[in-house]
C-alpha atoms as a PDB file:
ATOM      1  CA  UNK A   1      21.179  14.100  23.618  1.00  0.00           C
ATOM      2  CA  UNK A   2      22.703  14.888  20.244  1.00  0.00           C
ATOM      3  CA  UNK A   3      21.452  17.862  18.260  1.00  0.00           C
ATOM      4  CA  UNK A   4      20.072  16.420  15.014  1.00  0.00           C
ATOM      5  CA  UNK A   5      18.529  19.665  13.784  1.00  0.00           C
ATOM      6  CA  UNK A   6      21.035  20.116  10.980  1.00  0.00           C
ATOM      7  CA  UNK A   7      21.716  23.707  12.020  1.00  0.00           C
ATOM      8  CA  UNK A   8      25.146  25.084  12.757  1.00  0.00           C
ATOM      9  CA  UNK A   9      25.808  25.064  16.498  1.00  0.00           C
ATOM     10  CA  UNK A  10      27.718  27.404  18.751  1.00  0.00           C
ATOM     11  CA  UNK A  11      30.991  26.033  20.112  1.00  0.00           C
ATOM     12  CA  UNK A  12      32.534  26.751  23.514  1.00  0.00           C
ATOM     13  CA  UNK A  13      34.437  29.779  22.204  1.00  0.00           C
ATOM     14  CA  UNK A  14      31.268  31.379  20.820  1.00  0.00           C
ATOM     15  CA  UNK A  15      32.009  30.554  17.177  1.00  0.00           C
ATOM     16  CA  UNK A  16      29.744  28.603  14.838  1.00  0.00           C
ATOM     17  CA  UNK A  17      30.538  25.144  13.557  1.00  0.00           C
ATOM     18  CA  UNK A  18      28.757  22.559  11.463  1.00  0.00           C
ATOM     19  CA  UNK A  19      26.435  20.310  13.395  1.00  0.00           C
ATOM     20  CA  UNK A  20      28.026  16.859  13.872  1.00  0.00           C
ATOM     21  CA  UNK A  21      24.798  15.305  12.580  1.00  0.00           C
ATOM     22  CA  UNK A  22      25.314  16.945   9.186  1.00  0.00           C
ATOM     23  CA  UNK A  23      28.859  15.641   8.935  1.00  0.00           C
ATOM     24  CA  UNK A  24      27.787  12.136   9.948  1.00  0.00           C
ATOM     25  CA  UNK A  25      24.782  12.263   7.615  1.00  0.00           C
ATOM     26  CA  UNK A  26      26.958  13.173   4.634  1.00  0.00           C
ATOM     27  CA  UNK A  27      29.377  10.390   5.521  1.00  0.00           C
ATOM     28  CA  UNK A  28      26.652   7.692   5.422  1.00  0.00           C
ATOM     29  CA  UNK A  29      24.161   9.350   3.057  1.00  0.00           C
ATOM     30  CA  UNK A  30      23.917   6.407   0.619  1.00  0.00           C
ATOM     31  CA  UNK A  31      23.088   3.986   3.432  1.00  0.00           C
ATOM     32  CA  UNK A  32      20.567   6.337   5.030  1.00  0.00           C
ATOM     33  CA  UNK A  33      18.900   7.043   1.707  1.00  0.00           C
ATOM     34  CA  UNK A  34      18.658   3.349   0.837  1.00  0.00           C
ATOM     35  CA  UNK A  35      17.329   2.393   4.278  1.00  0.00           C
ATOM     36  CA  UNK A  36      14.690   5.132   4.369  1.00  0.00           C
ATOM     37  CA  UNK A  37      13.533   4.583   0.807  1.00  0.00           C
ATOM     38  CA  UNK A  38      13.349   0.820   1.327  1.00  0.00           C
ATOM     39  CA  UNK A  39      11.047   1.378   4.318  1.00  0.00           C
ATOM     40  CA  UNK A  40       8.821   3.875   2.486  1.00  0.00           C
ATOM     41  CA  UNK A  41       8.456   1.777  -0.652  1.00  0.00           C
ATOM     42  CA  UNK A  42       7.863  -1.416   1.345  1.00  0.00           C
ATOM     43  CA  UNK A  43       5.219   0.311   3.479  1.00  0.00           C
ATOM     44  CA  UNK A  44       3.396   1.681   0.432  1.00  0.00           C
ATOM     45  CA  UNK A  45       3.458  -1.705  -1.316  1.00  0.00           C
ATOM     46  CA  UNK A  46       2.234  -3.509   1.816  1.00  0.00           C
ATOM     47  CA  UNK A  47      -0.523  -0.917   2.271  1.00  0.00           C
ATOM     48  CA  UNK A  48      -1.650  -1.154  -1.355  1.00  0.00           C
ATOM     49  CA  UNK A  49      -1.776  -4.941  -1.193  1.00  0.00           C
ATOM     50  CA  UNK A  50      -3.560  -5.144   2.146  1.00  0.00           C
ATOM     51  CA  UNK A  51      -6.207  -2.557   1.292  1.00  0.00           C
ATOM     52  CA  UNK A  52      -6.304  -3.470  -2.417  1.00  0.00           C
ATOM     53  CA  UNK A  53      -5.954   0.190  -3.401  1.00  0.00           C
ATOM     54  CA  UNK A  54      -3.885   2.117  -5.926  1.00  0.00           C
ATOM     55  CA  UNK A  55      -1.304   4.608  -4.658  1.00  0.00           C
ATOM     56  CA  UNK A  56      -3.384   7.729  -5.303  1.00  0.00           C
ATOM     57  CA  UNK A  57      -6.282   6.222  -3.353  1.00  0.00           C
ATOM     58  CA  UNK A  58      -3.876   5.388  -0.513  1.00  0.00           C
ATOM     59  CA  UNK A  59      -2.681   8.994  -0.417  1.00  0.00           C
ATOM     60  CA  UNK A  60      -6.240  10.351  -0.420  1.00  0.00           C
ATOM     61  CA  UNK A  61      -7.372   7.895   2.263  1.00  0.00           C
ATOM     62  CA  UNK A  62      -4.330   8.708   4.384  1.00  0.00           C
ATOM     63  CA  UNK A  63      -4.828  12.459   4.060  1.00  0.00           C
ATOM     64  CA  UNK A  64      -8.518  12.193   4.828  1.00  0.00           C
ATOM     65  CA  UNK A  65      -7.805   9.980   7.836  1.00  0.00           C
ATOM     66  CA  UNK A  66      -5.213  12.380   9.242  1.00  0.00           C
ATOM     67  CA  UNK A  67      -7.263  15.492   8.633  1.00  0.00           C
ATOM     68  CA  UNK A  68     -10.440  13.948  10.089  1.00  0.00           C
ATOM     69  CA  UNK A  69      -8.931  12.340  13.171  1.00  0.00           C
ATOM     70  CA  UNK A  70      -5.928  14.491  14.171  1.00  0.00           C
ATOM     71  CA  UNK A  71      -7.921  17.414  15.615  1.00  0.00           C
ATOM     72  CA  UNK A  72      -9.510  15.004  18.120  1.00  0.00           C
ATOM     73  CA  UNK A  73      -6.310  13.443  19.436  1.00  0.00           C
ATOM     74  CA  UNK A  74      -4.284  14.801  22.347  1.00  0.00           C
ATOM     75  CA  UNK A  75      -1.030  16.473  21.379  1.00  0.00           C
ATOM     76  CA  UNK A  76       2.171  14.640  22.350  1.00  0.00           C
ATOM     77  CA  UNK A  77       3.057  15.593  25.896  1.00  0.00           C
ATOM     78  CA  UNK A  78      -0.497  16.683  26.733  1.00  0.00           C
ATOM     79  CA  UNK A  79      -2.420  14.880  29.436  1.00  0.00           C
ATOM     80  CA  UNK A  80      -4.439  12.046  27.952  1.00  0.00           C
ATOM     81  CA  UNK A  81      -8.101  11.730  28.915  1.00  0.00           C
ATOM     82  CA  UNK A  82      -8.600   9.527  31.980  1.00  0.00           C
ATOM     83  CA  UNK A  83     -10.570   7.035  29.916  1.00  0.00           C
ATOM     84  CA  UNK A  84      -7.882   6.753  27.227  1.00  0.00           C
ATOM     85  CA  UNK A  85      -8.345   7.652  23.594  1.00  0.00           C
ATOM     86  CA  UNK A  86     -11.687   5.857  23.382  1.00  0.00           C
ATOM     87  CA  UNK A  87     -13.482   4.844  20.211  1.00  0.00           C
ATOM     88  CA  UNK A  88     -13.406   6.974  17.116  1.00  0.00           C
ATOM     89  CA  UNK A  89     -16.684   8.906  16.888  1.00  0.00           C
ATOM     90  CA  UNK A  90     -17.523  10.035  13.388  1.00  0.00           C
ATOM     91  CA  UNK A  91     -19.511  13.022  14.645  1.00  0.00           C
ATOM     92  CA  UNK A  92     -16.249  14.480  15.963  1.00  0.00           C
ATOM     93  CA  UNK A  93     -14.433  14.085  12.645  1.00  0.00           C
ATOM     94  CA  UNK A  94     -13.761  17.286  10.785  1.00  0.00           C
ATOM     95  CA  UNK A  95     -15.218  16.805   7.287  1.00  0.00           C
ATOM     96  CA  UNK A  96     -12.903  17.683   4.440  1.00  0.00           C
ATOM     97  CA  UNK A  97     -14.030  19.384   1.266  1.00  0.00           C
ATOM     98  CA  UNK A  98     -12.873  18.193  -2.112  1.00  0.00           C
ATOM     99  CA  UNK A  99     -11.198  21.584  -2.633  1.00  0.00           C
ATOM    100  CA  UNK A 100      -9.112  21.115   0.547  1.00  0.00           C
ATOM    101  CA  UNK A 101      -7.982  17.635  -0.493  1.00  0.00           C
ATOM    102  CA  UNK A 102      -7.099  18.981  -3.932  1.00  0.00           C
ATOM    103  CA  UNK A 103      -5.006  21.788  -2.464  1.00  0.00           C
ATOM    104  CA  UNK A 104      -3.169  19.539  -0.003  1.00  0.00           C
ATOM    105  CA  UNK A 105      -2.574  16.558  -2.303  1.00  0.00           C
ATOM    106  CA  UNK A 106      -2.059  18.539  -5.512  1.00  0.00           C
ATOM    107  CA  UNK A 107      -3.970  15.841  -7.336  1.00  0.00           C
ATOM    108  CA  UNK A 108      -6.584  16.848  -9.926  1.00  0.00           C
ATOM    109  CA  UNK A 109     -10.043  17.463  -8.434  1.00  0.00           C
ATOM    110  CA  UNK A 110     -11.686  14.928 -10.741  1.00  0.00           C
ATOM    111  CA  UNK A 111      -9.166  12.258  -9.750  1.00  0.00           C
ATOM    112  CA  UNK A 112      -9.856  12.923  -6.072  1.00  0.00           C
ATOM    113  CA  UNK A 113     -13.626  12.851  -6.615  1.00  0.00           C
ATOM    114  CA  UNK A 114     -13.406   9.570  -8.523  1.00  0.00           C
ATOM    115  CA  UNK A 115     -11.083   7.968  -5.927  1.00  0.00           C
ATOM    116  CA  UNK A 116     -13.299   9.139  -3.025  1.00  0.00           C
ATOM    117  CA  UNK A 117     -16.319   7.629  -4.761  1.00  0.00           C
ATOM    118  CA  UNK A 118     -14.486   4.294  -5.058  1.00  0.00           C
ATOM    119  CA  UNK A 119     -13.339   4.526  -1.416  1.00  0.00           C
ATOM    120  CA  UNK A 120     -16.959   5.199  -0.434  1.00  0.00           C
ATOM    121  CA  UNK A 121     -18.172   2.167  -2.390  1.00  0.00           C
ATOM    122  CA  UNK A 122     -15.545   0.067  -0.593  1.00  0.00           C
ATOM    123  CA  UNK A 123     -16.747   1.335   2.821  1.00  0.00           C
ATOM    124  CA  UNK A 124     -13.695   3.384   3.781  1.00  0.00           C
ATOM    125  CA  UNK A 125     -15.227   6.883   3.612  1.00  0.00           C
ATOM    126  CA  UNK A 126     -18.559   8.657   3.482  1.00  0.00           C
ATOM    127  CA  UNK A 127     -19.731  12.134   2.622  1.00  0.00           C
ATOM    128  CA  UNK A 128     -22.370  14.599   3.695  1.00  0.00           C
ATOM    129  CA  UNK A 129     -23.049  18.275   3.024  1.00  0.00           C
ATOM    130  CA  UNK A 130     -19.920  19.226   5.040  1.00  0.00           C
ATOM    131  CA  UNK A 131     -17.474  17.056   3.134  1.00  0.00           C
ATOM    132  CA  UNK A 132     -15.777  13.673   3.317  1.00  0.00           C
ATOM    133  CA  UNK A 133     -15.032  11.611   6.419  1.00  0.00           C
ATOM    134  CA  UNK A 134     -13.282   8.369   7.261  1.00  0.00           C
ATOM    135  CA  UNK A 135     -15.656   5.628   8.423  1.00  0.00           C
ATOM    136  CA  UNK A 136     -14.333   4.409  11.801  1.00  0.00           C
ATOM    137  CA  UNK A 137     -15.947   1.007  11.290  1.00  0.00           C
ATOM    138  CA  UNK A 138     -13.518   0.403   8.386  1.00  0.00           C
ATOM    139  CA  UNK A 139     -10.714   0.048  10.939  1.00  0.00           C
ATOM    140  CA  UNK A 140     -10.952  -3.648  11.694  1.00  0.00           C
ATOM    141  CA  UNK A 141      -8.590  -6.072  13.386  1.00  0.00           C
ATOM    142  CA  UNK A 142      -6.587  -6.668  10.203  1.00  0.00           C
ATOM    143  CA  UNK A 143      -5.825  -2.943   9.849  1.00  0.00           C
ATOM    144  CA  UNK A 144      -4.974  -2.709  13.558  1.00  0.00           C
ATOM    145  CA  UNK A 145      -2.488  -5.595  13.204  1.00  0.00           C
ATOM    146  CA  UNK A 146      -1.036  -4.032  10.063  1.00  0.00           C
ATOM    147  CA  UNK A 147      -0.583  -0.728  11.908  1.00  0.00           C
ATOM    148  CA  UNK A 148       0.990  -2.501  14.902  1.00  0.00           C
ATOM    149  CA  UNK A 149       3.443  -4.272  12.571  1.00  0.00           C
ATOM    150  CA  UNK A 150       4.163  -0.996  10.757  1.00  0.00           C
ATOM    151  CA  UNK A 151       4.883   0.753  14.072  1.00  0.00           C
ATOM    152  CA  UNK A 152       7.367  -1.980  14.981  1.00  0.00           C
ATOM    153  CA  UNK A 153       9.033  -1.629  11.587  1.00  0.00           C
ATOM    154  CA  UNK A 154       9.203   2.156  12.013  1.00  0.00           C
ATOM    155  CA  UNK A 155      10.837   1.758  15.431  1.00  0.00           C
ATOM    156  CA  UNK A 156      13.338  -0.643  13.866  1.00  0.00           C
ATOM    157  CA  UNK A 157      14.001   1.963  11.145  1.00  0.00           C
ATOM    158  CA  UNK A 158      14.686   4.586  13.833  1.00  0.00           C
ATOM    159  CA  UNK A 159      17.196   2.211  15.458  1.00  0.00           C
ATOM    160  CA  UNK A 160      18.867   1.651  12.085  1.00  0.00           C
ATOM    161  CA  UNK A 161      19.042   5.420  11.457  1.00  0.00           C
ATOM    162  CA  UNK A 162      20.660   5.962  14.870  1.00  0.00           C
ATOM    163  CA  UNK A 163      23.186   3.201  14.150  1.00  0.00           C
ATOM    164  CA  UNK A 164      23.989   4.649  10.731  1.00  0.00           C
ATOM    165  CA  UNK A 165      24.455   8.158  12.133  1.00  0.00           C
ATOM    166  CA  UNK A 166      26.684   6.642  14.823  1.00  0.00           C
ATOM    167  CA  UNK A 167      28.743   4.956  12.093  1.00  0.00           C
ATOM    168  CA  UNK A 168      28.893   8.267  10.260  1.00  0.00           C
ATOM    169  CA  UNK A 169      30.115  10.087  13.363  1.00  0.00           C
ATOM    170  CA  UNK A 170      32.832   7.492  13.940  1.00  0.00           C
ATOM    171  CA  UNK A 171      33.830   7.556  10.269  1.00  0.00           C
ATOM    172  CA  UNK A 172      33.818  11.341  10.094  1.00  0.00           C
ATOM    173  CA  UNK A 173      35.944  11.466  13.254  1.00  0.00           C
ATOM    174  CA  UNK A 174      38.593   9.256  11.639  1.00  0.00           C
ATOM    175  CA  UNK A 175      38.791  11.587   8.658  1.00  0.00           C
ATOM    176  CA  UNK A 176      38.918  14.769  10.746  1.00  0.00           C
END
């Protein structure tokens, strides 16, 4: 497997040389940048339209979702529970304080408070004395299908990135 770390690598004579990924990346940078940015912008626009939310609310909802749910999921490579991931149980969600969301997002506290209130009114989140949590019942079939489609698009993006780096390696080889 190719080393895509971007670090200099040791060659067979013990010297250091530039990682081939870096050379290939520089060769096709405009295409990689365009492809990645197109995916990110498209995903954000699709998300905003589907959920009918502004971009700051999307960021806050995404952060809250990750921070609530991630501690309860098995790490990649770890043995999954025999019963699978199972349903999301709100009691296991780690509540997030407004101060934590402010520090992570770097958005103003009042903006976060106002957006969380709107997200709560829309049924996406709820709060208690411990902080804010995602409501698992807000994840309906439409959001599952959206996520499935997004995962397919992300896999396609990874294939495109591999193809572009391959083009860059071939192109860089012709120049060297």
